N, C-alpha and C. Protein backbone atom coordinates (compact mmCIF):
# COMPACT_ATOMS: atom_id res chain seq x y z
N MET A 1 0.84 -1.17 0.00
CA MET A 1 0.00 0.00 0.00
C MET A 1 0.90 1.25 0.00
N SER A 2 0.58 2.22 -0.82
CA SER A 2 1.41 3.42 -0.88
C SER A 2 1.13 4.33 0.31
N ARG A 3 2.15 5.08 0.71
CA ARG A 3 2.01 5.99 1.85
C ARG A 3 1.03 7.11 1.54
N GLU A 4 0.94 7.54 0.28
CA GLU A 4 0.01 8.60 -0.10
C GLU A 4 -1.43 8.13 0.08
N ARG A 5 -1.71 6.90 -0.32
CA ARG A 5 -3.06 6.35 -0.15
C ARG A 5 -3.40 6.20 1.33
N LEU A 6 -2.45 5.69 2.13
CA LEU A 6 -2.70 5.50 3.55
C LEU A 6 -2.90 6.84 4.27
N ALA A 7 -2.25 7.88 3.79
CA ALA A 7 -2.40 9.20 4.42
C ALA A 7 -3.79 9.78 4.20
N THR A 8 -4.50 9.30 3.18
CA THR A 8 -5.84 9.83 2.90
C THR A 8 -6.96 8.95 3.44
N VAL A 9 -6.63 7.79 4.01
CA VAL A 9 -7.67 6.87 4.49
C VAL A 9 -8.42 7.45 5.68
N LEU A 10 -7.71 7.98 6.67
CA LEU A 10 -8.34 8.56 7.86
C LEU A 10 -8.79 9.98 7.54
N VAL A 11 -10.08 10.24 7.69
CA VAL A 11 -10.60 11.58 7.41
C VAL A 11 -10.52 12.45 8.66
N ALA A 12 -11.04 11.95 9.78
CA ALA A 12 -11.04 12.72 11.02
C ALA A 12 -11.35 11.78 12.18
N PRO A 13 -10.91 12.16 13.40
CA PRO A 13 -11.36 11.38 14.56
C PRO A 13 -12.83 11.67 14.82
N HIS A 14 -13.56 10.67 15.26
CA HIS A 14 -14.99 10.82 15.54
C HIS A 14 -15.16 10.74 17.05
N ILE A 15 -15.38 11.89 17.68
CA ILE A 15 -15.44 11.95 19.14
C ILE A 15 -16.86 12.31 19.58
N THR A 16 -17.49 11.38 20.28
CA THR A 16 -18.81 11.58 20.86
C THR A 16 -18.76 11.03 22.28
N GLU A 17 -19.88 11.09 22.98
CA GLU A 17 -19.92 10.51 24.33
C GLU A 17 -19.69 9.01 24.28
N LYS A 18 -20.27 8.36 23.30
CA LYS A 18 -20.11 6.92 23.17
C LYS A 18 -18.66 6.54 22.89
N THR A 19 -18.00 7.26 21.99
CA THR A 19 -16.62 6.92 21.68
C THR A 19 -15.67 7.31 22.81
N ALA A 20 -16.02 8.34 23.59
CA ALA A 20 -15.20 8.70 24.74
C ALA A 20 -15.23 7.59 25.79
N LEU A 21 -16.40 6.99 25.99
CA LEU A 21 -16.50 5.85 26.91
C LEU A 21 -15.72 4.65 26.38
N ALA A 22 -15.77 4.43 25.07
CA ALA A 22 -15.02 3.32 24.48
C ALA A 22 -13.52 3.54 24.63
N MET A 23 -13.07 4.80 24.57
CA MET A 23 -11.65 5.09 24.77
C MET A 23 -11.22 4.75 26.18
N GLN A 24 -12.03 5.11 27.16
CA GLN A 24 -11.68 4.87 28.56
C GLN A 24 -11.78 3.40 28.94
N ASN A 25 -12.85 2.75 28.52
CA ASN A 25 -13.13 1.39 29.00
C ASN A 25 -12.43 0.29 28.21
N SER A 26 -12.40 0.40 26.91
CA SER A 26 -11.88 -0.72 26.12
C SER A 26 -10.76 -0.35 25.16
N ASN A 27 -10.15 0.83 25.32
CA ASN A 27 -9.02 1.26 24.50
C ASN A 27 -9.36 1.22 23.01
N GLN A 28 -10.57 1.70 22.66
CA GLN A 28 -11.01 1.77 21.27
C GLN A 28 -11.12 3.22 20.86
N TYR A 29 -10.73 3.50 19.62
CA TYR A 29 -10.80 4.84 19.07
C TYR A 29 -11.63 4.80 17.80
N ALA A 30 -12.40 5.87 17.55
CA ALA A 30 -13.28 5.91 16.38
C ALA A 30 -12.78 6.97 15.40
N PHE A 31 -12.85 6.63 14.12
CA PHE A 31 -12.41 7.53 13.06
C PHE A 31 -13.43 7.54 11.94
N LYS A 32 -13.61 8.70 11.32
CA LYS A 32 -14.30 8.76 10.04
C LYS A 32 -13.27 8.38 9.00
N VAL A 33 -13.63 7.46 8.11
CA VAL A 33 -12.68 6.99 7.10
C VAL A 33 -13.31 7.08 5.72
N ARG A 34 -12.48 6.92 4.71
CA ARG A 34 -12.98 6.93 3.33
C ARG A 34 -13.95 5.77 3.13
N ARG A 35 -14.95 5.99 2.28
CA ARG A 35 -15.96 4.95 2.07
C ARG A 35 -15.41 3.74 1.33
N ASP A 36 -14.32 3.90 0.59
CA ASP A 36 -13.76 2.77 -0.15
C ASP A 36 -12.62 2.08 0.59
N ALA A 37 -12.37 2.48 1.86
CA ALA A 37 -11.28 1.87 2.65
C ALA A 37 -11.74 0.56 3.26
N ASP A 38 -10.81 -0.39 3.34
CA ASP A 38 -11.14 -1.66 4.00
C ASP A 38 -10.36 -1.76 5.32
N LYS A 39 -10.58 -2.85 6.05
CA LYS A 39 -10.02 -2.99 7.40
C LYS A 39 -8.49 -2.98 7.39
N THR A 40 -7.88 -3.65 6.43
CA THR A 40 -6.42 -3.69 6.41
C THR A 40 -5.82 -2.32 6.12
N GLU A 41 -6.44 -1.55 5.25
CA GLU A 41 -5.97 -0.19 4.98
C GLU A 41 -6.11 0.70 6.21
N ILE A 42 -7.22 0.56 6.92
CA ILE A 42 -7.45 1.37 8.12
C ILE A 42 -6.40 1.02 9.18
N LYS A 43 -6.14 -0.27 9.35
CA LYS A 43 -5.14 -0.70 10.33
C LYS A 43 -3.77 -0.13 9.98
N GLN A 44 -3.37 -0.24 8.73
CA GLN A 44 -2.06 0.27 8.31
C GLN A 44 -1.99 1.78 8.44
N ALA A 45 -3.08 2.49 8.16
CA ALA A 45 -3.09 3.95 8.25
C ALA A 45 -2.95 4.42 9.70
N VAL A 46 -3.64 3.77 10.62
CA VAL A 46 -3.54 4.15 12.03
C VAL A 46 -2.14 3.86 12.55
N GLU A 47 -1.58 2.72 12.20
CA GLU A 47 -0.23 2.40 12.63
C GLU A 47 0.79 3.36 12.06
N LEU A 48 0.59 3.82 10.83
CA LEU A 48 1.50 4.77 10.21
C LEU A 48 1.39 6.16 10.82
N MET A 49 0.16 6.63 11.03
CA MET A 49 -0.05 8.00 11.49
C MET A 49 0.25 8.19 12.97
N PHE A 50 -0.03 7.20 13.80
CA PHE A 50 0.06 7.38 15.25
C PHE A 50 1.15 6.54 15.92
N ASP A 51 1.88 5.72 15.18
CA ASP A 51 2.95 4.87 15.71
C ASP A 51 2.47 3.99 16.87
N VAL A 52 1.37 3.28 16.65
CA VAL A 52 0.82 2.35 17.63
C VAL A 52 0.58 1.00 16.96
N LYS A 53 0.32 -0.03 17.75
CA LYS A 53 -0.04 -1.34 17.22
C LYS A 53 -1.53 -1.54 17.36
N VAL A 54 -2.18 -1.91 16.27
CA VAL A 54 -3.63 -2.11 16.24
C VAL A 54 -3.94 -3.58 16.45
N ALA A 55 -4.87 -3.85 17.38
CA ALA A 55 -5.28 -5.23 17.65
C ALA A 55 -6.43 -5.65 16.73
N ALA A 56 -7.42 -4.77 16.54
CA ALA A 56 -8.59 -5.13 15.73
C ALA A 56 -9.24 -3.87 15.17
N VAL A 57 -10.00 -4.07 14.09
CA VAL A 57 -10.74 -2.97 13.46
C VAL A 57 -12.16 -3.45 13.17
N GLN A 58 -13.14 -2.66 13.59
CA GLN A 58 -14.54 -2.91 13.24
C GLN A 58 -15.02 -1.72 12.41
N VAL A 59 -15.79 -1.99 11.37
CA VAL A 59 -16.23 -0.95 10.45
C VAL A 59 -17.75 -0.87 10.44
N VAL A 60 -18.27 0.37 10.43
CA VAL A 60 -19.71 0.61 10.38
C VAL A 60 -20.00 1.56 9.22
N ASN A 61 -20.92 1.17 8.35
CA ASN A 61 -21.37 2.06 7.29
C ASN A 61 -22.56 2.85 7.81
N GLU A 62 -22.39 4.17 7.92
CA GLU A 62 -23.44 5.04 8.44
C GLU A 62 -24.23 5.63 7.27
N PRO A 63 -25.54 5.42 7.24
CA PRO A 63 -26.33 6.01 6.16
C PRO A 63 -26.54 7.50 6.38
N GLY A 64 -26.69 8.23 5.28
CA GLY A 64 -26.96 9.66 5.37
C GLY A 64 -28.37 9.90 5.88
N LYS A 65 -28.57 11.09 6.42
CA LYS A 65 -29.88 11.44 6.97
C LYS A 65 -30.65 12.33 5.99
N THR A 66 -31.97 12.25 6.07
CA THR A 66 -32.81 13.12 5.27
C THR A 66 -32.92 14.46 5.98
N ARG A 67 -32.67 15.53 5.24
CA ARG A 67 -32.72 16.88 5.80
C ARG A 67 -33.63 17.74 4.94
N ARG A 68 -34.17 18.80 5.56
CA ARG A 68 -34.98 19.76 4.80
C ARG A 68 -34.24 21.07 4.69
N PHE A 69 -34.25 21.62 3.51
CA PHE A 69 -33.67 22.92 3.24
C PHE A 69 -34.81 23.80 2.72
N GLY A 70 -35.56 24.39 3.65
CA GLY A 70 -36.76 25.13 3.25
C GLY A 70 -37.81 24.16 2.75
N ARG A 71 -38.24 24.36 1.52
CA ARG A 71 -39.24 23.45 0.94
C ARG A 71 -38.62 22.20 0.32
N ILE A 72 -37.33 22.22 0.13
CA ILE A 72 -36.66 21.14 -0.59
C ILE A 72 -36.11 20.13 0.41
N THR A 73 -36.40 18.86 0.17
CA THR A 73 -35.82 17.82 1.00
C THR A 73 -34.53 17.34 0.34
N GLY A 74 -33.54 17.11 1.16
CA GLY A 74 -32.25 16.64 0.66
C GLY A 74 -31.76 15.50 1.52
N ARG A 75 -30.54 15.11 1.28
CA ARG A 75 -29.98 13.99 2.00
C ARG A 75 -28.50 14.24 2.21
N THR A 76 -28.03 13.98 3.43
CA THR A 76 -26.60 14.09 3.69
C THR A 76 -25.90 12.86 3.14
N GLN A 77 -24.61 12.95 2.99
CA GLN A 77 -23.84 11.89 2.38
C GLN A 77 -23.66 10.70 3.32
N ASP A 78 -23.65 9.49 2.77
CA ASP A 78 -23.31 8.30 3.54
C ASP A 78 -21.83 8.38 3.92
N TRP A 79 -21.45 7.77 5.05
CA TRP A 79 -20.06 7.77 5.46
C TRP A 79 -19.73 6.50 6.21
N LYS A 80 -18.44 6.27 6.40
CA LYS A 80 -17.97 5.05 7.04
C LYS A 80 -17.22 5.41 8.32
N LYS A 81 -17.49 4.65 9.37
CA LYS A 81 -16.85 4.85 10.67
C LYS A 81 -16.09 3.59 11.03
N ALA A 82 -14.90 3.76 11.60
CA ALA A 82 -14.07 2.62 12.00
C ALA A 82 -13.76 2.71 13.49
N TYR A 83 -14.02 1.62 14.20
CA TYR A 83 -13.61 1.49 15.60
C TYR A 83 -12.31 0.70 15.62
N VAL A 84 -11.25 1.32 16.15
CA VAL A 84 -9.93 0.72 16.15
C VAL A 84 -9.55 0.36 17.58
N SER A 85 -9.29 -0.92 17.84
CA SER A 85 -8.83 -1.38 19.15
C SER A 85 -7.32 -1.46 19.13
N LEU A 86 -6.70 -0.88 20.14
CA LEU A 86 -5.25 -0.89 20.22
C LEU A 86 -4.77 -1.99 21.15
N VAL A 87 -3.50 -2.36 21.00
CA VAL A 87 -2.87 -3.35 21.87
C VAL A 87 -2.80 -2.77 23.28
N GLN A 88 -2.90 -3.64 24.27
CA GLN A 88 -2.87 -3.23 25.67
C GLN A 88 -1.65 -2.36 25.96
N GLY A 89 -1.87 -1.24 26.66
CA GLY A 89 -0.79 -0.35 27.04
C GLY A 89 -0.49 0.76 26.06
N GLN A 90 -1.15 0.79 24.90
CA GLN A 90 -0.91 1.84 23.92
C GLN A 90 -2.12 2.77 23.87
N SER A 91 -1.87 4.02 23.49
CA SER A 91 -2.96 4.98 23.38
C SER A 91 -2.62 6.03 22.33
N ILE A 92 -3.63 6.78 21.93
CA ILE A 92 -3.49 7.86 20.96
C ILE A 92 -3.83 9.16 21.66
N ASP A 93 -2.95 10.15 21.54
CA ASP A 93 -3.19 11.46 22.11
C ASP A 93 -3.46 12.44 20.96
N TYR A 94 -4.74 12.78 20.75
CA TYR A 94 -5.12 13.66 19.65
C TYR A 94 -4.54 15.05 19.80
N GLU A 95 -4.51 15.57 21.03
CA GLU A 95 -4.06 16.94 21.26
C GLU A 95 -2.58 17.10 20.97
N ALA A 96 -1.76 16.12 21.33
CA ALA A 96 -0.33 16.20 21.05
C ALA A 96 -0.07 16.14 19.54
N ARG A 97 -0.86 15.33 18.82
CA ARG A 97 -0.70 15.22 17.37
C ARG A 97 -1.14 16.50 16.67
N ALA A 98 -2.15 17.20 17.22
CA ALA A 98 -2.65 18.42 16.59
C ALA A 98 -1.64 19.56 16.73
N LYS A 99 -0.91 19.60 17.83
CA LYS A 99 0.07 20.67 18.07
C LYS A 99 1.35 20.45 17.26
N ALA A 100 1.65 19.22 16.92
CA ALA A 100 2.90 18.90 16.20
C ALA A 100 2.85 19.31 14.76
């Protein structure tokens, strides 16, 4: 896999109350990822970007929501979310990575 492709796989960290609990309790981190990315690409991208060892990856396809824009109904885009479990004793610090 090329480094350029792996650099574009992770779109953004997905931080909610549910994912914050998963970070504390089970050492899982959630990311918005490209819709055409698979589990092996996600694993390699996280290991490349954050210098950690990934134990497992679970992927969820999130459907877009129906929205209204005045009289016109529209739809937000579908997206993919990945839950990444890290090896025991490893963690990701988003704030340190953002400042670097």
